[in-house]
Amino acid sequence: MHELGPLILRFPLATALSYLCYSTPEHGFMEGSWNWPPITNMESIEITHSLPIIHGGMDRILWTGPGGSFSSAAAYDMLHPPGPKVDRFSLLVGTFKIPRHRFIFWLAILGRLSTLDKPWLHHLGTDCVLCRADTPETHDHLFFTCSFASECLHEIRGVVSFHWPYSSWTTAIRWASARWRGKHVVNASYRALLAALVYHLWHKGNRRIFQQTARTPVDIARLIILRLGI
């Protein structure tokens, strides 16, 4: 299906594109009749002939929302229906002191970080650069099957005690989003800690690849605790 809708394929392409992209709803009719671009095939003729005839007074095009009046919000919702609510994004709720933590955490929740298992990064190798094991760098490995990442998590849990399920990344995120909800300072701190740890592990991997620099798990844990003021 064409991105502008199925009817775009039923009319001459150049004419239809200019008609849809540069016209307003009022251009849909002219002098009491429907105003369609030129048509050249029988299927398009059948479509236009099935339209009701405009007669019996002045007609106008109305686009109304649920409340009976037009609103840009209602129009947007109709053109882009909202998807189902995803509970795991509750981990992003609240005040994050460092916006870049939240951004990288968001990408990690979506599974959209450019980990080395992605085909377009195979020229850099596929093995995890943090633990140096013969294991592909994936989201599941990086958070927190990787021995280096697991040690970082262990160091942080030595300062701030909290439970963490050592399972797949998707399962762990679902677990955390179900338990670390709300505005309570403890749950908010857990969310901020997890976001900071995800960010620094990701940043650490990039530094090893592109700058050949290294930090120990203890260094990363201390840096996170210091920056979050915990």
Protein backbone atom coordinates (compact mmCIF):
# COMPACT_ATOMS: atom_id res chain seq x y z
CA MET A 1 0.00 0.00 0.00
CA HIS A 2 1.23 3.50 -0.84
CA GLU A 3 2.12 5.75 2.11
CA LEU A 4 -0.44 8.33 0.89
CA GLY A 5 -3.25 5.79 0.80
CA PRO A 6 -4.69 3.18 -1.60
CA LEU A 7 -6.44 5.67 -3.91
CA ILE A 8 -3.12 7.26 -4.90
CA LEU A 9 -2.44 4.17 -7.03
CA ARG A 10 -5.71 4.59 -8.93
CA PHE A 11 -4.93 7.98 -10.49
CA PRO A 12 -2.05 9.34 -12.62
CA LEU A 13 0.85 9.54 -10.19
CA ALA A 14 2.19 13.04 -10.91
CA THR A 15 -1.25 14.64 -10.96
CA ALA A 16 -2.44 12.80 -7.87
CA LEU A 17 0.66 13.67 -5.88
CA SER A 18 0.38 17.37 -6.63
CA TYR A 19 -3.34 17.23 -5.89
CA LEU A 20 -2.86 15.60 -2.47
CA CYS A 21 0.25 17.42 -1.33
CA TYR A 22 -0.69 20.99 -2.26
CA SER A 23 -4.47 21.07 -1.83
CA THR A 24 -6.74 21.74 1.13
CA PRO A 25 -10.00 19.91 1.97
CA GLU A 26 -11.98 22.75 0.31
CA HIS A 27 -10.39 21.85 -3.04
CA GLY A 28 -12.27 18.54 -2.98
CA PHE A 29 -15.22 20.16 -4.76
CA MET A 30 -15.71 23.07 -7.17
CA GLU A 31 -18.86 24.87 -8.36
CA GLY A 32 -21.18 22.29 -6.82
CA SER A 33 -19.36 19.17 -8.05
CA TRP A 34 -16.57 16.88 -6.88
CA ASN A 35 -13.17 18.07 -8.06
CA TRP A 36 -11.00 15.03 -8.87
CA PRO A 37 -7.72 14.91 -10.79
CA PRO A 38 -7.92 13.59 -14.38
CA ILE A 39 -8.56 9.84 -14.57
CA THR A 40 -7.48 7.43 -17.30
CA ASN A 41 -8.70 3.94 -16.37
CA MET A 42 -12.02 2.22 -15.80
CA GLU A 43 -11.37 1.39 -12.14
CA SER A 44 -10.87 5.07 -11.32
CA ILE A 45 -14.05 5.95 -13.24
CA GLU A 46 -15.99 3.41 -11.16
CA ILE A 47 -14.66 4.97 -7.96
CA THR A 48 -15.65 8.50 -8.93
CA HIS A 49 -19.07 7.41 -10.20
CA SER A 50 -19.84 5.77 -6.85
CA LEU A 51 -19.60 9.13 -5.06
CA PRO A 52 -22.90 10.80 -4.10
CA ILE A 53 -24.11 13.65 -6.29
CA ILE A 54 -23.87 17.10 -4.73
CA HIS A 55 -27.19 18.93 -5.08
CA GLY A 56 -29.83 20.82 -3.15
CA GLY A 57 -27.89 23.78 -1.79
CA MET A 58 -24.47 24.72 -0.52
CA ASP A 59 -22.27 21.87 0.62
CA ARG A 60 -19.06 21.98 2.61
CA ILE A 61 -16.53 19.52 3.92
CA LEU A 62 -16.55 18.99 7.69
CA TRP A 63 -13.95 17.17 9.72
CA THR A 64 -15.22 16.82 13.26
CA GLY A 65 -13.83 15.06 16.28
CA PRO A 66 -15.59 13.06 19.00
CA GLY A 67 -16.81 16.30 20.62
CA GLY A 68 -18.47 17.53 17.43
CA SER A 69 -15.81 20.13 16.56
CA PHE A 70 -12.47 19.91 14.78
CA SER A 71 -9.26 19.62 16.77
CA SER A 72 -5.75 18.95 15.55
CA ALA A 73 -5.26 16.43 18.38
CA ALA A 74 -8.29 14.39 17.28
CA ALA A 75 -7.12 14.52 13.66
CA TYR A 76 -3.65 13.33 14.64
CA ASP A 77 -5.09 10.46 16.71
CA MET A 78 -7.23 9.39 13.75
CA LEU A 79 -4.29 9.45 11.32
CA HIS A 80 -1.87 7.91 13.83
CA PRO A 81 -3.85 5.68 16.22
CA PRO A 82 -2.05 5.30 19.56
CA GLY A 83 -0.56 1.87 20.15
CA PRO A 84 -1.14 -0.23 23.23
CA LYS A 85 0.28 1.13 26.46
CA VAL A 86 3.62 -0.47 27.23
CA ASP A 87 4.15 -0.92 30.96
CA ARG A 88 7.92 -1.07 30.78
CA PHE A 89 8.08 2.64 29.99
CA SER A 90 7.05 3.34 33.58
CA LEU A 91 10.79 3.02 34.25
CA LEU A 92 11.27 6.33 32.43
CA VAL A 93 8.79 8.20 34.62
CA GLY A 94 10.15 10.66 37.16
CA THR A 95 12.95 13.13 37.47
CA PHE A 96 16.24 12.04 35.95
CA LYS A 97 19.08 14.33 36.93
CA ILE A 98 21.05 13.53 33.77
CA PRO A 99 18.99 13.53 30.52
CA ARG A 100 21.53 11.46 28.56
CA HIS A 101 21.02 8.61 31.03
CA ARG A 102 17.32 8.63 30.25
CA PHE A 103 17.88 8.73 26.47
CA ILE A 104 20.30 5.78 26.38
CA PHE A 105 18.10 3.88 28.84
CA TRP A 106 15.11 4.47 26.56
CA LEU A 107 17.01 3.06 23.57
CA ALA A 108 18.10 0.07 25.64
CA ILE A 109 14.51 -0.64 26.71
CA LEU A 110 13.51 -0.58 23.04
CA GLY A 111 16.45 -2.84 22.14
CA ARG A 112 17.71 -0.16 19.75
CA LEU A 113 21.27 0.37 20.94
CA SER A 114 23.83 -0.30 18.20
CA THR A 115 25.31 -3.38 19.81
CA LEU A 116 27.97 -5.27 17.89
CA ASP A 117 25.60 -8.04 16.86
CA LYS A 118 24.02 -5.62 14.38
CA PRO A 119 25.01 -6.59 10.79
CA TRP A 120 26.20 -3.09 9.88
CA LEU A 121 28.76 -3.17 12.73
CA HIS A 122 30.34 -6.54 11.96
CA HIS A 123 33.45 -4.78 10.64
CA LEU A 124 34.18 -3.88 14.30
CA GLY A 125 33.84 -7.51 15.36
CA THR A 126 30.93 -9.09 17.20
CA ASP A 127 32.49 -10.09 20.53
CA CYS A 128 31.74 -8.12 23.69
CA VAL A 129 34.40 -5.45 24.25
CA LEU A 130 33.76 -5.27 28.00
CA CYS A 131 34.40 -8.86 29.09
CA ARG A 132 36.52 -9.80 26.05
CA ALA A 133 34.79 -13.16 25.97
CA ASP A 134 34.08 -15.02 22.77
CA THR A 135 30.43 -13.95 23.05
CA PRO A 136 28.44 -11.68 20.71
CA GLU A 137 27.54 -8.31 22.20
CA THR A 138 23.75 -8.27 22.44
CA HIS A 139 21.35 -6.45 24.76
CA ASP A 140 20.83 -9.67 26.71
CA HIS A 141 24.58 -10.15 27.12
CA LEU A 142 25.42 -6.53 27.93
CA PHE A 143 22.66 -6.23 30.58
CA PHE A 144 23.88 -8.18 32.66
CA THR A 145 25.19 -11.55 31.51
CA CYS A 146 28.54 -9.96 30.69
CA SER A 147 30.97 -10.59 33.56
CA PHE A 148 32.15 -6.96 33.53
CA ALA A 149 28.59 -5.59 33.59
CA SER A 150 27.60 -8.09 36.28
CA GLU A 151 30.51 -6.96 38.44
CA CYS A 152 29.45 -3.32 38.01
CA LEU A 153 25.94 -4.24 39.13
CA HIS A 154 27.38 -6.14 42.10
CA GLU A 155 29.44 -3.10 43.17
CA ILE A 156 26.40 -0.81 43.05
CA ARG A 157 24.25 -3.30 44.96
CA GLY A 158 26.95 -3.27 47.63
CA VAL A 159 26.12 0.40 48.24
CA VAL A 160 22.38 0.40 47.46
CA SER A 161 20.79 -2.94 48.23
CA PHE A 162 18.14 -4.03 45.73
CA HIS A 163 17.12 -7.28 44.08
CA TRP A 164 17.78 -7.89 40.40
CA PRO A 165 16.61 -10.90 38.34
CA TYR A 166 19.49 -12.29 36.33
CA SER A 167 17.41 -13.20 33.29
CA SER A 168 16.99 -11.93 29.74
CA TRP A 169 16.99 -8.15 29.33
CA THR A 170 13.35 -8.06 28.21
CA THR A 171 12.23 -10.18 31.16
CA ALA A 172 14.28 -8.14 33.63
CA ILE A 173 12.86 -4.86 32.33
CA ARG A 174 9.34 -6.23 32.63
CA TRP A 175 10.11 -7.33 36.18
CA ALA A 176 11.55 -3.94 37.18
CA SER A 177 8.72 -1.96 35.59
CA ALA A 178 6.19 -3.96 37.60
CA ARG A 179 7.97 -3.32 40.92
CA TRP A 180 9.71 0.04 40.68
CA ARG A 181 6.60 2.08 40.03
CA GLY A 182 5.34 5.34 41.45
CA LYS A 183 6.92 8.41 43.01
CA HIS A 184 8.35 6.77 46.12
CA VAL A 185 11.93 7.93 46.58
CA VAL A 186 13.24 4.35 46.83
CA ASN A 187 11.68 3.24 43.54
CA ALA A 188 12.75 6.48 41.84
CA SER A 189 16.32 5.87 43.06
CA TYR A 190 16.29 2.33 41.67
CA ARG A 191 15.14 3.60 38.28
CA ALA A 192 17.82 6.29 38.24
CA LEU A 193 20.50 3.77 39.24
CA LEU A 194 19.52 1.35 36.50
CA ALA A 195 19.45 4.12 33.88
CA ALA A 196 22.87 5.38 35.01
CA LEU A 197 24.37 1.88 34.94
CA VAL A 198 23.01 1.21 31.45
CA TYR A 199 24.42 4.53 30.24
CA HIS A 200 27.88 4.02 31.73
CA LEU A 201 28.17 0.46 30.45
CA TRP A 202 27.25 1.67 26.99
CA HIS A 203 29.63 4.62 27.25
CA LYS A 204 32.38 2.35 28.56
CA GLY A 205 32.04 0.04 25.56
CA ASN A 206 32.25 2.94 23.13
CA ARG A 207 35.35 4.31 24.86
CA ARG A 208 37.07 0.94 24.58
CA ILE A 209 36.30 0.71 20.87
CA PHE A 210 37.06 4.25 19.77
CA GLN A 211 39.41 5.70 22.42
CA GLN A 212 41.13 2.59 23.79
CA THR A 213 40.49 3.73 27.38
CA ALA A 214 39.35 1.59 30.29
CA ARG A 215 37.70 1.89 33.70
CA THR A 216 37.21 -0.79 36.31
CA PRO A 217 33.79 -1.84 37.64
CA VAL A 218 34.67 -0.17 40.96
CA ASP A 219 35.41 3.10 39.15
CA ILE A 220 32.09 2.98 37.30
CA ALA A 221 30.12 2.19 40.46
CA ARG A 222 31.77 5.05 42.37
CA LEU A 223 31.13 7.46 39.49
CA ILE A 224 27.44 6.54 39.35
CA ILE A 225 26.95 6.90 43.11
CA LEU A 226 28.78 10.24 43.07
CA ARG A 227 26.82 11.72 40.17
CA LEU A 228 23.45 10.61 41.50
CA GLY A 229 24.28 11.83 44.99
CA ILE A 230 23.16 8.62 46.64
